[in-house]
Amino acid sequence: MAKIQLNGKNTVIKSNYSLFDLLKKHKLTNKKIAIELNGEIVSKANFKKKNLKNNDKVEIVHFIGGG
């Protein structure tokens, strides 16, 4: 288990959890999103490659239309 901060809230995830797994858990895989991991933007191509570790800080922003 690993403790991470997700959008400012502490949460616990399984070990070897990838960013893609996190998106899947929160049903965000088909959304237009941006992810910041420890202060750096992660490209969509690396979502499955980036595994989360203890004390990581993740910010997920998804875009919605409106006017």
C-alpha atoms as a PDB file:
ATOM      1  CA  MET A   1       0.000   0.000   0.000  1.00  0.00           C
ATOM      2  CA  ALA A   2       1.079   3.554  -0.670  1.00  0.00           C
ATOM      3  CA  LYS A   3      -0.181   6.862   0.689  1.00  0.00           C
ATOM      4  CA  ILE A   4      -0.537   9.605  -1.921  1.00  0.00           C
ATOM      5  CA  GLN A   5      -2.110  13.013  -2.116  1.00  0.00           C
ATOM      6  CA  LEU A   6      -4.767  13.192  -4.848  1.00  0.00           C
ATOM      7  CA  ASN A   7      -6.123  16.650  -5.652  1.00  0.00           C
ATOM      8  CA  GLY A   8      -5.191  17.817  -2.158  1.00  0.00           C
ATOM      9  CA  LYS A   9      -6.691  14.859  -0.279  1.00  0.00           C
ATOM     10  CA  ASN A  10      -4.751  12.007   1.299  1.00  0.00           C
ATOM     11  CA  THR A  11      -5.634   8.584  -0.063  1.00  0.00           C
ATOM     12  CA  VAL A  12      -4.276   5.043   0.048  1.00  0.00           C
ATOM     13  CA  ILE A  13      -3.677   3.004  -3.115  1.00  0.00           C
ATOM     14  CA  LYS A  14      -2.334  -0.438  -3.932  1.00  0.00           C
ATOM     15  CA  SER A  15       1.377  -0.911  -4.527  1.00  0.00           C
ATOM     16  CA  ASN A  16       2.508  -0.701  -8.184  1.00  0.00           C
ATOM     17  CA  TYR A  17      -0.523   1.415  -9.105  1.00  0.00           C
ATOM     18  CA  SER A  18      -0.022   3.344 -12.335  1.00  0.00           C
ATOM     19  CA  LEU A  19      -1.534   6.697 -13.242  1.00  0.00           C
ATOM     20  CA  PHE A  20      -3.736   4.826 -15.722  1.00  0.00           C
ATOM     21  CA  ASP A  21      -4.988   2.551 -12.907  1.00  0.00           C
ATOM     22  CA  LEU A  22      -5.845   5.646 -10.886  1.00  0.00           C
ATOM     23  CA  LEU A  23      -7.794   7.110 -13.815  1.00  0.00           C
ATOM     24  CA  LYS A  24      -9.618   3.811 -14.313  1.00  0.00           C
ATOM     25  CA  LYS A  25     -10.579   3.693 -10.636  1.00  0.00           C
ATOM     26  CA  HIS A  26     -12.098   7.180 -10.867  1.00  0.00           C
ATOM     27  CA  LYS A  27     -13.718   6.525 -14.282  1.00  0.00           C
ATOM     28  CA  LEU A  28     -11.671   9.200 -16.057  1.00  0.00           C
ATOM     29  CA  THR A  29     -10.086   7.109 -18.826  1.00  0.00           C
ATOM     30  CA  ASN A  30     -12.272   8.578 -21.594  1.00  0.00           C
ATOM     31  CA  LYS A  31     -12.095  12.193 -20.441  1.00  0.00           C
ATOM     32  CA  LYS A  32      -9.841  15.005 -21.654  1.00  0.00           C
ATOM     33  CA  ILE A  33      -7.512  15.390 -18.700  1.00  0.00           C
ATOM     34  CA  ALA A  34      -4.150  16.671 -17.593  1.00  0.00           C
ATOM     35  CA  ILE A  35      -2.122  15.080 -14.804  1.00  0.00           C
ATOM     36  CA  GLU A  36       0.534  16.710 -12.689  1.00  0.00           C
ATOM     37  CA  LEU A  37       2.749  14.342 -10.692  1.00  0.00           C
ATOM     38  CA  ASN A  38       4.948  15.952  -8.047  1.00  0.00           C
ATOM     39  CA  GLY A  39       4.800  19.306  -9.822  1.00  0.00           C
ATOM     40  CA  GLU A  40       5.472  18.043 -13.358  1.00  0.00           C
ATOM     41  CA  ILE A  41       2.974  17.455 -16.170  1.00  0.00           C
ATOM     42  CA  VAL A  42       2.893  13.817 -17.339  1.00  0.00           C
ATOM     43  CA  SER A  43       2.226  13.119 -21.017  1.00  0.00           C
ATOM     44  CA  LYS A  44      -0.693  10.845 -21.845  1.00  0.00           C
ATOM     45  CA  ALA A  45       1.728   8.345 -23.424  1.00  0.00           C
ATOM     46  CA  ASN A  46       3.286   7.767 -19.984  1.00  0.00           C
ATOM     47  CA  PHE A  47       0.110   7.181 -17.931  1.00  0.00           C
ATOM     48  CA  LYS A  48       0.551   3.393 -18.031  1.00  0.00           C
ATOM     49  CA  LYS A  49       4.324   3.591 -17.447  1.00  0.00           C
ATOM     50  CA  LYS A  50       4.315   5.905 -14.402  1.00  0.00           C
ATOM     51  CA  ASN A  51       3.844   3.934 -11.195  1.00  0.00           C
ATOM     52  CA  LEU A  52       2.880   5.836  -8.084  1.00  0.00           C
ATOM     53  CA  LYS A  53       4.893   5.603  -4.901  1.00  0.00           C
ATOM     54  CA  ASN A  54       4.496   6.628  -1.292  1.00  0.00           C
ATOM     55  CA  ASN A  55       4.091  10.399  -0.734  1.00  0.00           C
ATOM     56  CA  ASP A  56       3.486  11.234  -4.421  1.00  0.00           C
ATOM     57  CA  LYS A  57       1.325  14.298  -5.073  1.00  0.00           C
ATOM     58  CA  VAL A  58      -1.099  13.914  -7.978  1.00  0.00           C
ATOM     59  CA  GLU A  59      -3.337  16.598  -9.435  1.00  0.00           C
ATOM     60  CA  ILE A  60      -5.897  15.543 -12.048  1.00  0.00           C
ATOM     61  CA  VAL A  61      -7.784  18.171 -14.017  1.00  0.00           C
ATOM     62  CA  HIS A  62     -10.479  17.263 -16.508  1.00  0.00           C
ATOM     63  CA  PHE A  63     -11.918  19.669 -19.014  1.00  0.00           C
ATOM     64  CA  ILE A  64     -15.604  20.312 -19.532  1.00  0.00           C
ATOM     65  CA  GLY A  65     -17.369  22.438 -22.105  1.00  0.00           C
ATOM     66  CA  GLY A  66     -19.465  25.415 -21.278  1.00  0.00           C
ATOM     67  CA  GLY A  67     -19.855  29.037 -21.907  1.00  0.00           C
END
